[in-house]
Amino acid sequence: MPLPSTVHFAAGQTDYIAQLNQLIADFNTIYAAYLATQAGELYKATSTTSRTIGTGGHTLTITESTQRAFGVGSPIRIADSAAPNTNYMDGSVTAYTHPSITISVTSVAGSGTKAAWSLAMSAIAGTVPVASGGTGATTAAGARTNLGLGSAATTAAGDYATAAQGVKADAALPKAGGTLTGDVSAGDKNLTAVKVLGRSAEYDNGNSGASKTIDFANGAQQKVTLTANTTLTISTPPQVGYYQLRLIQDATGSRTVTWSGLSSSRWLGATSAPAINSVANKETLMSIYYDGTNLTQSQSKIGAA
């Protein structure tokens, strides 16, 4: 605190009483300010301005004559002197020219119009704007949204695709190849420059018995061994495309097939189902095309008929 300009000692002056008295008064003022600082008085104040509890801007007149240590941006609580734990407003200082102070209140407790307030520096409750160094929210999810973090902030490190991002890199499909563990949809888009499109295996239906259902959801290439005169039921394929079924006679041979699920008139090169290869251990290769509505089929005998 600077000394008042009235304290001036001139050369040759013989009457120093007035200046000494002023100097003592100044020292007392400085000491009082020091004591106030030690007691925290500079960080609190009172006001008799009538205000209704609520959010928004509130301007009050500080009762104390001396400047307080409030500054723009300081967090502050305005509490009802009669019930400070029940009725209060929390916010931050937006303007302060002693004795007038303006506070932006962001959260409140209690209600009513009061005219006896206690002001004190306090941690801000409620939301603190991003521009003031806060998150503008009272929840973690809201804070992430306001700060533009989205779901990335809560995504486990193991859920990322590269080694630099997380430990699940081994589960990602590498550029050089790898094994898928789930279905892949091309979204009705073209797959170009495919050199070889291989199948994982030919699905084995085992022995036919007297009846067997062929479900092409198990694979586009399948086989069945005929061990009796058999009714073979062809289930509707899962997708438009070509399917193949290999019929294998057992060591006895002469097993016949009755078809179910096929249209008898949609055989290529025949008006009805042709006879299969009946020689023991020989095969018939049946090809099916599904257009999304109908099945069209043909067959070829492998080996001696």
Protein backbone atom coordinates (compact mmCIF):
# COMPACT_ATOMS: atom_id res chain seq x y z
CA MET A 1 0.00 0.00 0.00
CA PRO A 2 1.61 3.37 -1.00
CA LEU A 3 1.90 6.08 1.59
CA PRO A 4 -0.38 9.15 1.14
CA SER A 5 1.18 12.09 -0.71
CA THR A 6 0.63 14.33 2.35
CA VAL A 7 3.68 12.73 3.94
CA HIS A 8 6.53 14.92 2.70
CA PHE A 9 9.72 15.79 4.51
CA ALA A 10 11.28 18.95 3.11
CA ALA A 11 14.89 19.95 3.62
CA GLY A 12 15.28 22.42 6.46
CA GLN A 13 11.80 21.69 7.82
CA THR A 14 11.60 21.90 11.59
CA ASP A 15 7.95 20.92 12.18
CA TYR A 16 7.56 17.21 11.47
CA ILE A 17 4.63 16.57 13.82
CA ALA A 18 1.90 16.48 11.15
CA GLN A 19 3.94 14.28 8.83
CA LEU A 20 4.87 11.91 11.65
CA ASN A 21 1.22 11.62 12.69
CA GLN A 22 0.27 10.80 9.11
CA LEU A 23 3.09 8.29 8.85
CA ILE A 24 1.89 6.55 12.01
CA ALA A 25 -1.67 6.48 10.64
CA ASP A 26 -0.36 4.94 7.41
CA PHE A 27 1.59 2.29 9.28
CA ASN A 28 -1.52 1.48 11.32
CA THR A 29 -3.52 1.14 8.11
CA ILE A 30 -0.92 -1.17 6.61
CA TYR A 31 -0.78 -3.23 9.80
CA ALA A 32 -4.58 -3.47 9.91
CA ALA A 33 -4.56 -4.67 6.32
CA TYR A 34 -1.91 -7.24 7.23
CA LEU A 35 -4.02 -8.49 10.14
CA ALA A 36 -7.06 -8.66 7.86
CA THR A 37 -5.08 -10.73 5.39
CA GLN A 38 -3.93 -13.06 8.14
CA ALA A 39 -7.54 -13.51 9.28
CA GLY A 40 -8.83 -13.93 5.75
CA GLU A 41 -10.88 -10.74 5.95
CA LEU A 42 -9.80 -9.64 2.48
CA TYR A 43 -11.37 -12.77 1.02
CA LYS A 44 -14.82 -12.17 2.46
CA ALA A 45 -17.32 -9.34 2.73
CA THR A 46 -20.91 -8.50 3.58
CA SER A 47 -23.71 -6.73 1.73
CA THR A 48 -27.17 -5.42 2.52
CA THR A 49 -28.29 -5.32 -1.11
CA SER A 50 -31.69 -6.96 -1.51
CA ARG A 51 -31.50 -9.86 -3.98
CA THR A 52 -33.75 -12.80 -4.83
CA ILE A 53 -32.01 -16.16 -4.92
CA GLY A 54 -31.63 -17.30 -8.50
CA THR A 55 -29.15 -17.91 -11.27
CA GLY A 56 -27.88 -15.18 -13.56
CA GLY A 57 -26.20 -11.85 -12.88
CA HIS A 58 -26.39 -10.25 -9.42
CA THR A 59 -24.87 -6.87 -8.48
CA LEU A 60 -24.33 -6.08 -4.80
CA THR A 61 -22.76 -3.25 -2.83
CA ILE A 62 -20.09 -4.37 -0.37
CA THR A 63 -20.56 -2.93 3.10
CA GLU A 64 -16.86 -2.83 4.04
CA SER A 65 -15.00 0.34 3.11
CA THR A 66 -11.75 -1.32 2.09
CA GLN A 67 -11.00 -3.12 -1.16
CA ARG A 68 -11.42 -6.90 -0.99
CA ALA A 69 -9.25 -9.49 -2.72
CA PHE A 70 -11.94 -10.42 -5.23
CA GLY A 71 -11.05 -10.38 -8.92
CA VAL A 72 -12.84 -11.08 -12.17
CA GLY A 73 -13.19 -14.85 -12.46
CA SER A 74 -12.89 -15.48 -8.72
CA PRO A 75 -15.24 -18.22 -7.49
CA ILE A 76 -17.53 -16.85 -4.84
CA ARG A 77 -20.47 -17.81 -2.65
CA ILE A 78 -23.20 -15.35 -1.65
CA ALA A 79 -24.82 -16.79 1.46
CA ASP A 80 -27.84 -15.68 3.44
CA SER A 81 -26.29 -14.42 6.68
CA ALA A 82 -29.21 -15.81 8.69
CA ALA A 83 -29.09 -19.30 7.13
CA PRO A 84 -25.82 -19.64 5.18
CA ASN A 85 -26.04 -23.41 4.82
CA THR A 86 -29.61 -23.30 3.52
CA ASN A 87 -29.83 -20.25 1.27
CA TYR A 88 -26.92 -19.39 -0.99
CA MET A 89 -25.82 -18.67 -4.54
CA ASP A 90 -22.58 -19.90 -6.15
CA GLY A 91 -20.90 -18.30 -9.13
CA SER A 92 -17.95 -16.22 -10.26
CA VAL A 93 -17.08 -12.53 -10.24
CA THR A 94 -17.65 -10.81 -13.59
CA ALA A 95 -16.95 -7.23 -12.45
CA TYR A 96 -15.62 -5.55 -9.29
CA THR A 97 -15.08 -1.86 -8.70
CA HIS A 98 -15.25 -1.38 -4.98
CA PRO A 99 -17.76 -1.33 -3.43
CA SER A 100 -19.84 -2.65 -6.37
CA ILE A 101 -19.44 -6.30 -7.31
CA THR A 102 -21.25 -8.29 -10.01
CA ILE A 103 -21.48 -12.05 -9.83
CA SER A 104 -22.68 -14.57 -12.42
CA VAL A 105 -24.55 -17.18 -10.41
CA THR A 106 -24.60 -20.70 -11.86
CA SER A 107 -26.17 -22.71 -9.03
CA VAL A 108 -28.30 -21.97 -5.98
CA ALA A 109 -29.77 -23.53 -2.87
CA GLY A 110 -32.82 -22.38 -0.99
CA SER A 111 -35.11 -19.57 -2.09
CA GLY A 112 -36.45 -16.16 -1.17
CA THR A 113 -35.40 -12.50 -1.24
CA LYS A 114 -32.67 -11.61 1.24
CA ALA A 115 -30.98 -8.35 2.27
CA ALA A 116 -28.17 -9.62 4.51
CA TRP A 117 -25.45 -11.47 2.63
CA SER A 118 -22.05 -12.92 3.41
CA LEU A 119 -19.65 -13.11 0.48
CA ALA A 120 -16.64 -15.41 0.48
CA MET A 121 -14.24 -16.99 -1.96
CA SER A 122 -15.46 -20.53 -2.61
CA ALA A 123 -15.12 -23.40 -5.01
CA ILE A 124 -17.63 -23.07 -7.85
CA ALA A 125 -20.54 -25.49 -7.72
CA GLY A 126 -22.61 -26.38 -10.74
CA THR A 127 -21.34 -25.86 -14.27
CA VAL A 128 -18.21 -23.93 -15.14
CA PRO A 129 -18.11 -22.75 -18.77
CA VAL A 130 -15.43 -24.19 -21.05
CA ALA A 131 -14.19 -20.64 -21.68
CA SER A 132 -13.54 -20.31 -17.95
CA GLY A 133 -11.53 -23.52 -17.79
CA GLY A 134 -14.46 -25.80 -16.93
CA THR A 135 -16.43 -28.38 -18.87
CA GLY A 136 -19.81 -26.65 -19.06
CA ALA A 137 -21.45 -29.75 -17.59
CA THR A 138 -22.19 -31.48 -14.30
CA THR A 139 -21.85 -35.05 -15.60
CA ALA A 140 -18.97 -36.97 -17.14
CA ALA A 141 -20.95 -37.73 -20.29
CA GLY A 142 -21.88 -34.06 -20.70
CA ALA A 143 -18.28 -32.99 -20.14
CA ARG A 144 -17.03 -35.39 -22.83
CA THR A 145 -19.57 -34.04 -25.28
CA ASN A 146 -18.75 -30.38 -24.54
CA LEU A 147 -15.03 -31.03 -24.85
CA GLY A 148 -15.49 -32.91 -28.13
CA LEU A 149 -14.17 -36.20 -26.78
CA GLY A 150 -17.14 -38.35 -27.82
CA SER A 151 -16.96 -42.06 -27.10
CA ALA A 152 -13.19 -42.24 -27.60
CA ALA A 153 -12.64 -41.10 -24.03
CA THR A 154 -14.35 -44.19 -22.65
CA THR A 155 -13.25 -46.75 -25.26
CA ALA A 156 -11.03 -49.39 -23.73
CA ALA A 157 -7.50 -49.47 -25.07
CA GLY A 158 -8.03 -53.10 -26.02
CA ASP A 159 -10.83 -52.16 -28.44
CA TYR A 160 -8.62 -50.32 -30.92
CA ALA A 161 -7.27 -51.80 -34.11
CA THR A 162 -3.57 -51.02 -34.17
CA ALA A 163 -0.73 -51.92 -31.86
CA ALA A 164 -0.16 -48.23 -31.13
CA GLN A 165 -3.78 -47.85 -30.04
CA GLY A 166 -4.40 -50.96 -28.01
CA VAL A 167 -3.73 -54.57 -27.19
CA LYS A 168 -6.38 -55.96 -29.54
CA ALA A 169 -4.21 -55.41 -32.61
CA ASP A 170 -3.87 -59.18 -32.89
CA ALA A 171 -7.63 -59.43 -33.42
CA ALA A 172 -7.63 -56.97 -36.34
CA LEU A 173 -7.52 -58.23 -39.92
CA PRO A 174 -4.03 -57.39 -41.19
CA LYS A 175 -3.43 -55.97 -44.65
CA ALA A 176 -1.30 -58.95 -45.62
CA GLY A 177 -3.99 -61.48 -44.72
CA GLY A 178 -5.65 -63.12 -41.78
CA THR A 179 -8.66 -65.12 -40.65
CA LEU A 180 -12.07 -63.55 -40.16
CA THR A 181 -14.06 -64.59 -37.13
CA GLY A 182 -17.41 -63.17 -38.28
CA ASP A 183 -19.53 -62.57 -41.37
CA VAL A 184 -18.62 -59.78 -43.79
CA SER A 185 -21.18 -57.87 -45.86
CA ALA A 186 -20.13 -55.99 -48.99
CA GLY A 187 -23.22 -53.81 -48.66
CA ASP A 188 -24.42 -54.58 -52.21
CA LYS A 189 -21.10 -53.31 -53.60
CA ASN A 190 -18.76 -54.92 -56.13
CA LEU A 191 -15.72 -56.94 -55.15
CA THR A 192 -13.17 -56.51 -57.92
CA ALA A 193 -9.80 -58.01 -58.85
CA VAL A 194 -10.49 -61.29 -57.05
CA LYS A 195 -7.92 -63.78 -58.31
CA VAL A 196 -9.09 -66.95 -56.55
CA LEU A 197 -12.20 -67.28 -54.44
CA GLY A 198 -11.72 -70.39 -52.36
CA ARG A 199 -14.09 -72.33 -50.15
CA SER A 200 -13.13 -73.41 -46.69
CA ALA A 201 -14.30 -77.04 -47.18
CA GLU A 202 -16.91 -79.32 -48.70
CA TYR A 203 -19.61 -79.86 -46.11
CA ASP A 204 -20.17 -83.55 -45.38
CA ASN A 205 -23.78 -84.54 -44.64
CA GLY A 206 -22.67 -88.08 -43.78
CA ASN A 207 -24.91 -91.05 -44.60
CA SER A 208 -28.32 -90.36 -46.05
CA GLY A 209 -30.48 -93.05 -44.51
CA ALA A 210 -34.06 -93.02 -45.76
CA SER A 211 -34.24 -89.20 -45.68
CA LYS A 212 -31.87 -86.28 -45.45
CA THR A 213 -32.26 -82.50 -45.56
CA ILE A 214 -29.57 -80.53 -47.39
CA ASP A 215 -29.14 -77.08 -45.91
CA PHE A 216 -26.84 -74.90 -48.03
CA ALA A 217 -26.45 -72.51 -45.12
CA ASN A 218 -23.80 -75.05 -44.07
CA GLY A 219 -21.78 -74.36 -47.22
CA ALA A 220 -22.16 -73.92 -50.97
CA GLN A 221 -20.38 -77.21 -51.68
CA GLN A 222 -21.71 -80.33 -49.98
CA LYS A 223 -21.76 -84.10 -50.27
CA VAL A 224 -23.88 -86.97 -49.00
CA THR A 225 -23.35 -90.73 -49.10
CA LEU A 226 -26.41 -92.68 -50.21
CA THR A 227 -26.94 -95.66 -47.92
CA ALA A 228 -30.61 -96.33 -48.79
CA ASN A 229 -33.29 -95.27 -51.21
CA THR A 230 -33.47 -91.71 -50.00
CA THR A 231 -35.74 -88.70 -50.00
CA LEU A 232 -33.45 -85.66 -50.26
CA THR A 233 -35.01 -82.35 -49.23
CA ILE A 234 -33.27 -79.21 -50.52
CA SER A 235 -33.78 -76.21 -48.23
CA THR A 236 -33.98 -72.75 -49.75
CA PRO A 237 -30.41 -71.45 -50.07
CA PRO A 238 -29.47 -68.42 -47.95
CA GLN A 239 -28.35 -66.23 -50.88
CA VAL A 240 -28.69 -65.87 -54.65
CA GLY A 241 -25.97 -67.92 -56.36
CA TYR A 242 -24.61 -71.32 -57.38
CA TYR A 243 -24.60 -74.38 -55.13
CA GLN A 244 -23.29 -77.91 -55.58
CA LEU A 245 -24.21 -81.29 -54.10
CA ARG A 246 -22.16 -84.47 -54.64
CA LEU A 247 -24.13 -87.72 -54.35
CA ILE A 248 -21.98 -90.78 -53.56
CA GLN A 249 -23.30 -94.34 -53.86
CA ASP A 250 -22.22 -96.61 -51.04
CA ALA A 251 -20.49 -99.98 -51.63
CA THR A 252 -23.86 -101.59 -52.37
CA GLY A 253 -24.99 -99.04 -54.96
CA SER A 254 -28.31 -98.81 -56.82
CA ARG A 255 -29.62 -96.32 -54.26
CA THR A 256 -32.32 -94.06 -55.68
CA VAL A 257 -33.21 -90.47 -54.82
CA THR A 258 -36.59 -88.82 -54.53
CA TRP A 259 -36.27 -85.04 -54.60
CA SER A 260 -38.16 -82.65 -52.34
CA GLY A 261 -38.00 -78.85 -52.39
CA LEU A 262 -37.11 -78.70 -56.11
CA SER A 263 -39.34 -77.85 -59.05
CA SER A 264 -39.63 -80.95 -61.22
CA SER A 265 -39.80 -78.82 -64.38
CA ARG A 266 -36.63 -76.79 -63.76
CA TRP A 267 -34.03 -79.37 -64.75
CA LEU A 268 -31.62 -78.27 -67.44
CA GLY A 269 -31.75 -80.65 -70.44
CA ALA A 270 -34.66 -82.64 -68.98
CA THR A 271 -38.30 -82.10 -68.15
CA SER A 272 -37.98 -84.07 -64.94
CA ALA A 273 -35.23 -85.26 -62.66
CA PRO A 274 -32.85 -87.58 -64.50
CA ALA A 275 -31.62 -90.79 -62.94
CA ILE A 276 -28.48 -90.55 -60.84
CA ASN A 277 -25.39 -92.73 -61.19
CA SER A 278 -26.37 -96.04 -59.56
CA VAL A 279 -22.99 -97.81 -59.75
CA ALA A 280 -21.50 -98.68 -56.36
CA ASN A 281 -19.03 -96.09 -55.07
CA LYS A 282 -19.70 -93.82 -58.07
CA GLU A 283 -20.95 -90.26 -57.95
CA THR A 284 -23.41 -87.77 -59.35
CA LEU A 285 -22.58 -84.08 -59.30
CA MET A 286 -25.66 -81.89 -58.93
CA SER A 287 -25.47 -78.13 -59.62
CA ILE A 288 -28.14 -75.70 -58.44
CA TYR A 289 -28.69 -72.04 -59.25
CA TYR A 290 -30.92 -70.00 -56.94
CA ASP A 291 -32.24 -66.71 -58.34
CA GLY A 292 -33.82 -65.57 -55.12
CA THR A 293 -37.16 -67.20 -55.96
CA ASN A 294 -36.62 -70.42 -57.91
CA LEU A 295 -34.12 -73.26 -57.97
CA THR A 296 -32.79 -74.49 -61.32
CA GLN A 297 -30.73 -77.67 -61.27
CA SER A 298 -28.65 -79.94 -63.47
CA GLN A 299 -26.58 -83.04 -62.83
CA SER A 300 -23.61 -84.93 -64.21
CA LYS A 301 -22.63 -88.56 -63.65
CA ILE A 302 -19.04 -89.16 -62.58
CA GLY A 303 -17.42 -92.48 -63.50
CA ALA A 304 -19.09 -95.46 -65.16
CA ALA A 305 -22.85 -95.35 -65.18
